[in-house]
Amino acid sequence: MPWIEHPARQGDNVSIADWLRYHIGVWMQNKGADMEERALYPDGVHCPECGQWVRPGQLCDHLPF
């Protein structure tokens, strides 16, 4: 049975439709945040260690937010 790793649905069995909605929504959020970052800071590069966007000359702190 599929599950969603989120406190709101912890320990709760979910339907396939809910599971798909959640994972597609998370994927869309990540893609949207990536597109926003690239539009605002076109010279940004990915950190080779954690994959986050950093501005040229900026040191990455490797925090996920």
PDB file of N, CA and C in Angstrom:
ATOM      1  N   MET A   1       0.847  -1.187   0.000  1.00  0.00           N
ATOM      2  CA  MET A   1       0.000   0.000   0.000  1.00  0.00           C
ATOM      3  C   MET A   1       0.888   1.245   0.000  1.00  0.00           C
ATOM      4  N   PRO A   2       0.601   2.224  -0.834  1.00  0.00           N
ATOM      5  CA  PRO A   2       1.419   3.443  -0.874  1.00  0.00           C
ATOM      6  C   PRO A   2       1.229   4.283   0.374  1.00  0.00           C
ATOM      7  N   TRP A   3       2.207   5.086   0.678  1.00  0.00           N
ATOM      8  CA  TRP A   3       2.143   6.004   1.810  1.00  0.00           C
ATOM      9  C   TRP A   3       2.788   7.316   1.419  1.00  0.00           C
ATOM     10  N   ILE A   4       2.478   8.338   2.187  1.00  0.00           N
ATOM     11  CA  ILE A   4       3.048   9.664   1.977  1.00  0.00           C
ATOM     12  C   ILE A   4       3.838  10.014   3.227  1.00  0.00           C
ATOM     13  N   GLU A   5       5.126  10.327   3.035  1.00  0.00           N
ATOM     14  CA  GLU A   5       5.979  10.664   4.164  1.00  0.00           C
ATOM     15  C   GLU A   5       5.797  12.132   4.528  1.00  0.00           C
ATOM     16  N   HIS A   6       4.726  12.411   5.221  1.00  0.00           N
ATOM     17  CA  HIS A   6       4.417  13.761   5.675  1.00  0.00           C
ATOM     18  C   HIS A   6       3.634  13.634   6.969  1.00  0.00           C
ATOM     19  N   PRO A   7       3.889  14.515   7.952  1.00  0.00           N
ATOM     20  CA  PRO A   7       3.186  14.402   9.237  1.00  0.00           C
ATOM     21  C   PRO A   7       1.668  14.424   9.127  1.00  0.00           C
ATOM     22  N   ALA A   8       1.131  15.085   8.128  1.00  0.00           N
ATOM     23  CA  ALA A   8      -0.326  15.166   7.994  1.00  0.00           C
ATOM     24  C   ALA A   8      -0.947  13.814   7.654  1.00  0.00           C
ATOM     25  N   ARG A   9      -0.180  12.935   7.028  1.00  0.00           N
ATOM     26  CA  ARG A   9      -0.715  11.627   6.620  1.00  0.00           C
ATOM     27  C   ARG A   9       0.069  10.478   7.252  1.00  0.00           C
ATOM     28  N   GLN A  10       0.764  10.741   8.348  1.00  0.00           N
ATOM     29  CA  GLN A  10       1.598   9.732   8.985  1.00  0.00           C
ATOM     30  C   GLN A  10       0.741   8.593   9.547  1.00  0.00           C
ATOM     31  N   GLY A  11       1.116   7.378   9.246  1.00  0.00           N
ATOM     32  CA  GLY A  11       0.390   6.227   9.730  1.00  0.00           C
ATOM     33  C   GLY A  11      -0.930   5.997   9.032  1.00  0.00           C
ATOM     34  N   ASP A  12      -1.183   6.723   7.973  1.00  0.00           N
ATOM     35  CA  ASP A  12      -2.453   6.644   7.255  1.00  0.00           C
ATOM     36  C   ASP A  12      -2.222   6.006   5.892  1.00  0.00           C
ATOM     37  N   ASN A  13      -3.019   5.020   5.545  1.00  0.00           N
ATOM     38  CA  ASN A  13      -2.962   4.457   4.197  1.00  0.00           C
ATOM     39  C   ASN A  13      -3.632   5.438   3.248  1.00  0.00           C
ATOM     40  N   VAL A  14      -3.010   5.638   2.116  1.00  0.00           N
ATOM     41  CA  VAL A  14      -3.542   6.603   1.150  1.00  0.00           C
ATOM     42  C   VAL A  14      -3.909   5.885  -0.140  1.00  0.00           C
ATOM     43  N   SER A  15      -4.761   6.521  -0.911  1.00  0.00           N
ATOM     44  CA  SER A  15      -5.139   5.953  -2.199  1.00  0.00           C
ATOM     45  C   SER A  15      -4.038   6.245  -3.215  1.00  0.00           C
ATOM     46  N   ILE A  16      -4.071   5.520  -4.301  1.00  0.00           N
ATOM     47  CA  ILE A  16      -3.111   5.744  -5.386  1.00  0.00           C
ATOM     48  C   ILE A  16      -3.247   7.164  -5.923  1.00  0.00           C
ATOM     49  N   ALA A  17      -4.475   7.657  -6.019  1.00  0.00           N
ATOM     50  CA  ALA A  17      -4.707   9.014  -6.534  1.00  0.00           C
ATOM     51  C   ALA A  17      -4.069  10.057  -5.619  1.00  0.00           C
ATOM     52  N   ASP A  18      -4.227   9.896  -4.295  1.00  0.00           N
ATOM     53  CA  ASP A  18      -3.604  10.841  -3.354  1.00  0.00           C
ATOM     54  C   ASP A  18      -2.091  10.763  -3.444  1.00  0.00           C
ATOM     55  N   TRP A  19      -1.551   9.558  -3.559  1.00  0.00           N
ATOM     56  CA  TRP A  19      -0.113   9.379  -3.654  1.00  0.00           C
ATOM     57  C   TRP A  19       0.425  10.070  -4.901  1.00  0.00           C
ATOM     58  N   LEU A  20      -0.268   9.878  -6.036  1.00  0.00           N
ATOM     59  CA  LEU A  20       0.152  10.531  -7.277  1.00  0.00           C
ATOM     60  C   LEU A  20       0.050  12.048  -7.179  1.00  0.00           C
ATOM     61  N   ARG A  21      -1.051  12.550  -6.627  1.00  0.00           N
ATOM     62  CA  ARG A  21      -1.206  14.011  -6.473  1.00  0.00           C
ATOM     63  C   ARG A  21      -0.067  14.594  -5.655  1.00  0.00           C
ATOM     64  N   TYR A  22       0.263  13.926  -4.548  1.00  0.00           N
ATOM     65  CA  TYR A  22       1.325  14.423  -3.663  1.00  0.00           C
ATOM     66  C   TYR A  22       2.671  14.451  -4.393  1.00  0.00           C
ATOM     67  N   HIS A  23       3.051  13.336  -5.018  1.00  0.00           N
ATOM     68  CA  HIS A  23       4.365  13.271  -5.642  1.00  0.00           C
ATOM     69  C   HIS A  23       4.469  14.135  -6.893  1.00  0.00           C
ATOM     70  N   ILE A  24       3.429  14.247  -7.655  1.00  0.00           N
ATOM     71  CA  ILE A  24       3.436  15.154  -8.805  1.00  0.00           C
ATOM     72  C   ILE A  24       3.504  16.599  -8.321  1.00  0.00           C
ATOM     73  N   GLY A  25       2.786  16.928  -7.256  1.00  0.00           N
ATOM     74  CA  GLY A  25       2.826  18.284  -6.699  1.00  0.00           C
ATOM     75  C   GLY A  25       4.198  18.653  -6.175  1.00  0.00           C
ATOM     76  N   VAL A  26       4.850  17.723  -5.481  1.00  0.00           N
ATOM     77  CA  VAL A  26       6.204  17.974  -4.970  1.00  0.00           C
ATOM     78  C   VAL A  26       7.174  18.170  -6.133  1.00  0.00           C
ATOM     79  N   TRP A  27       7.040  17.329  -7.165  1.00  0.00           N
ATOM     80  CA  TRP A  27       7.905  17.460  -8.325  1.00  0.00           C
ATOM     81  C   TRP A  27       7.714  18.819  -8.998  1.00  0.00           C
ATOM     82  N   MET A  28       6.450  19.246  -9.132  1.00  0.00           N
ATOM     83  CA  MET A  28       6.156  20.534  -9.764  1.00  0.00           C
ATOM     84  C   MET A  28       6.698  21.687  -8.928  1.00  0.00           C
ATOM     85  N   GLN A  29       6.606  21.586  -7.598  1.00  0.00           N
ATOM     86  CA  GLN A  29       7.169  22.624  -6.735  1.00  0.00           C
ATOM     87  C   GLN A  29       8.675  22.746  -6.945  1.00  0.00           C
ATOM     88  N   ASN A  30       9.366  21.618  -6.985  1.00  0.00           N
ATOM     89  CA  ASN A  30      10.816  21.644  -7.171  1.00  0.00           C
ATOM     90  C   ASN A  30      11.194  22.223  -8.520  1.00  0.00           C
ATOM     91  N   LYS A  31      10.482  21.835  -9.571  1.00  0.00           N
ATOM     92  CA  LYS A  31      10.764  22.384 -10.893  1.00  0.00           C
ATOM     93  C   LYS A  31      10.483  23.885 -10.940  1.00  0.00           C
ATOM     94  N   GLY A  32       9.384  24.317 -10.313  1.00  0.00           N
ATOM     95  CA  GLY A  32       9.046  25.737 -10.285  1.00  0.00           C
ATOM     96  C   GLY A  32      10.079  26.557  -9.525  1.00  0.00           C
ATOM     97  N   ALA A  33      10.551  26.041  -8.402  1.00  0.00           N
ATOM     98  CA  ALA A  33      11.577  26.743  -7.629  1.00  0.00           C
ATOM     99  C   ALA A  33      12.879  26.836  -8.420  1.00  0.00           C
ATOM    100  N   ASP A  34      13.198  25.777  -9.154  1.00  0.00           N
ATOM    101  CA  ASP A  34      14.407  25.784  -9.977  1.00  0.00           C
ATOM    102  C   ASP A  34      14.292  26.811 -11.100  1.00  0.00           C
ATOM    103  N   MET A  35      13.123  26.868 -11.744  1.00  0.00           N
ATOM    104  CA  MET A  35      12.917  27.841 -12.823  1.00  0.00           C
ATOM    105  C   MET A  35      12.961  29.268 -12.290  1.00  0.00           C
ATOM    106  N   GLU A  36      12.373  29.498 -11.106  1.00  0.00           N
ATOM    107  CA  GLU A  36      12.393  30.831 -10.502  1.00  0.00           C
ATOM    108  C   GLU A  36      13.826  31.253 -10.191  1.00  0.00           C
ATOM    109  N   GLU A  37      14.599  30.346  -9.618  1.00  0.00           N
ATOM    110  CA  GLU A  37      15.991  30.650  -9.271  1.00  0.00           C
ATOM    111  C   GLU A  37      16.806  30.969 -10.513  1.00  0.00           C
ATOM    112  N   ARG A  38      16.610  30.206 -11.572  1.00  0.00           N
ATOM    113  CA  ARG A  38      17.355  30.450 -12.805  1.00  0.00           C
ATOM    114  C   ARG A  38      16.945  31.743 -13.469  1.00  0.00           C
ATOM    115  N   ALA A  39      15.678  32.150 -13.334  1.00  0.00           N
ATOM    116  CA  ALA A  39      15.221  33.407 -13.925  1.00  0.00           C
ATOM    117  C   ALA A  39      15.757  34.610 -13.149  1.00  0.00           C
ATOM    118  N   LEU A  40      15.791  34.496 -11.822  1.00  0.00           N
ATOM    119  CA  LEU A  40      16.257  35.619 -11.002  1.00  0.00           C
ATOM    120  C   LEU A  40      17.768  35.750 -11.003  1.00  0.00           C
ATOM    121  N   TYR A  41      18.467  34.646 -11.044  1.00  0.00           N
ATOM    122  CA  TYR A  41      19.930  34.647 -10.971  1.00  0.00           C
ATOM    123  C   TYR A  41      20.486  33.791 -12.115  1.00  0.00           C
ATOM    124  N   PRO A  42      20.509  34.339 -13.338  1.00  0.00           N
ATOM    125  CA  PRO A  42      20.932  33.530 -14.494  1.00  0.00           C
ATOM    126  C   PRO A  42      22.396  33.103 -14.449  1.00  0.00           C
ATOM    127  N   ASP A  43      23.219  33.778 -13.654  1.00  0.00           N
ATOM    128  CA  ASP A  43      24.633  33.414 -13.582  1.00  0.00           C
ATOM    129  C   ASP A  43      24.913  32.384 -12.497  1.00  0.00           C
ATOM    130  N   GLY A  44      23.882  31.922 -11.798  1.00  0.00           N
ATOM    131  CA  GLY A  44      24.066  30.967 -10.716  1.00  0.00           C
ATOM    132  C   GLY A  44      24.569  29.625 -11.221  1.00  0.00           C
ATOM    133  N   VAL A  45      25.231  28.925 -10.347  1.00  0.00           N
ATOM    134  CA  VAL A  45      25.752  27.593 -10.665  1.00  0.00           C
ATOM    135  C   VAL A  45      25.336  26.628  -9.560  1.00  0.00           C
ATOM    136  N   HIS A  46      25.326  25.351  -9.883  1.00  0.00           N
ATOM    137  CA  HIS A  46      25.019  24.341  -8.886  1.00  0.00           C
ATOM    138  C   HIS A  46      26.259  24.028  -8.053  1.00  0.00           C
ATOM    139  N   CYS A  47      26.069  23.871  -6.749  1.00  0.00           N
ATOM    140  CA  CYS A  47      27.146  23.433  -5.869  1.00  0.00           C
ATOM    141  C   CYS A  47      27.487  21.990  -6.240  1.00  0.00           C
ATOM    142  N   PRO A  48      28.765  21.678  -6.429  1.00  0.00           N
ATOM    143  CA  PRO A  48      29.122  20.310  -6.829  1.00  0.00           C
ATOM    144  C   PRO A  48      28.875  19.272  -5.730  1.00  0.00           C
ATOM    145  N   GLU A  49      28.779  19.714  -4.476  1.00  0.00           N
ATOM    146  CA  GLU A  49      28.595  18.757  -3.380  1.00  0.00           C
ATOM    147  C   GLU A  49      27.136  18.465  -3.081  1.00  0.00           C
ATOM    148  N   CYS A  50      26.277  19.510  -3.049  1.00  0.00           N
ATOM    149  CA  CYS A  50      24.884  19.281  -2.642  1.00  0.00           C
ATOM    150  C   CYS A  50      23.880  19.584  -3.756  1.00  0.00           C
ATOM    151  N   GLY A  51      24.288  20.243  -4.831  1.00  0.00           N
ATOM    152  CA  GLY A  51      23.402  20.485  -5.954  1.00  0.00           C
ATOM    153  C   GLY A  51      22.535  21.733  -5.846  1.00  0.00           C
ATOM    154  N   GLN A  52      22.683  22.528  -4.779  1.00  0.00           N
ATOM    155  CA  GLN A  52      21.900  23.757  -4.636  1.00  0.00           C
ATOM    156  C   GLN A  52      22.474  24.845  -5.530  1.00  0.00           C
ATOM    157  N   TRP A  53      21.614  25.826  -5.852  1.00  0.00           N
ATOM    158  CA  TRP A  53      22.071  26.974  -6.626  1.00  0.00           C
ATOM    159  C   TRP A  53      22.870  27.901  -5.728  1.00  0.00           C
ATOM    160  N   VAL A  54      23.992  28.378  -6.229  1.00  0.00           N
ATOM    161  CA  VAL A  54      24.792  29.400  -5.540  1.00  0.00           C
ATOM    162  C   VAL A  54      25.162  30.460  -6.556  1.00  0.00           C
ATOM    163  N   ARG A  55      25.327  31.683  -6.080  1.00  0.00           N
ATOM    164  CA  ARG A  55      25.743  32.774  -6.948  1.00  0.00           C
ATOM    165  C   ARG A  55      27.255  32.712  -7.121  1.00  0.00           C
ATOM    166  N   PRO A  56      27.769  33.188  -8.232  1.00  0.00           N
ATOM    167  CA  PRO A  56      29.218  33.185  -8.422  1.00  0.00           C
ATOM    168  C   PRO A  56      29.927  33.913  -7.285  1.00  0.00           C
ATOM    169  N   GLY A  57      30.939  33.285  -6.736  1.00  0.00           N
ATOM    170  CA  GLY A  57      31.703  33.866  -5.634  1.00  0.00           C
ATOM    171  C   GLY A  57      31.122  33.602  -4.260  1.00  0.00           C
ATOM    172  N   GLN A  58      29.922  33.043  -4.177  1.00  0.00           N
ATOM    173  CA  GLN A  58      29.281  32.761  -2.897  1.00  0.00           C
ATOM    174  C   GLN A  58      29.639  31.341  -2.461  1.00  0.00           C
ATOM    175  N   LEU A  59      29.909  31.171  -1.169  1.00  0.00           N
ATOM    176  CA  LEU A  59      30.187  29.841  -0.648  1.00  0.00           C
ATOM    177  C   LEU A  59      28.881  29.176  -0.249  1.00  0.00           C
ATOM    178  N   CYS A  60      28.740  27.927  -0.570  1.00  0.00           N
ATOM    179  CA  CYS A  60      27.533  27.181  -0.250  1.00  0.00           C
ATOM    180  C   CYS A  60      27.603  26.677   1.194  1.00  0.00           C
ATOM    181  N   ASP A  61      26.509  26.830   1.937  1.00  0.00           N
ATOM    182  CA  ASP A  61      26.493  26.343   3.319  1.00  0.00           C
ATOM    183  C   ASP A  61      25.903  24.931   3.420  1.00  0.00           C
ATOM    184  N   HIS A  62      25.479  24.357   2.293  1.00  0.00           N
ATOM    185  CA  HIS A  62      24.958  22.992   2.198  1.00  0.00           C
ATOM    186  C   HIS A  62      23.712  22.762   3.034  1.00  0.00           C
ATOM    187  N   LEU A  63      22.977  23.815   3.356  1.00  0.00           N
ATOM    188  CA  LEU A  63      21.692  23.676   4.039  1.00  0.00           C
ATOM    189  C   LEU A  63      20.591  23.589   2.981  1.00  0.00           C
ATOM    190  N   PRO A  64      19.585  22.769   3.194  1.00  0.00           N
ATOM    191  CA  PRO A  64      18.582  22.572   2.148  1.00  0.00           C
ATOM    192  C   PRO A  64      17.569  23.690   1.998  1.00  0.00           C
ATOM    193  N   PHE A  65      17.767  24.849   2.612  1.00  0.00           N
ATOM    194  CA  PHE A  65      16.828  25.956   2.481  1.00  0.00           C
ATOM    195  C   PHE A  65      17.573  27.259   2.427  1.00  0.00           C
TER     196      PHE A  65
END
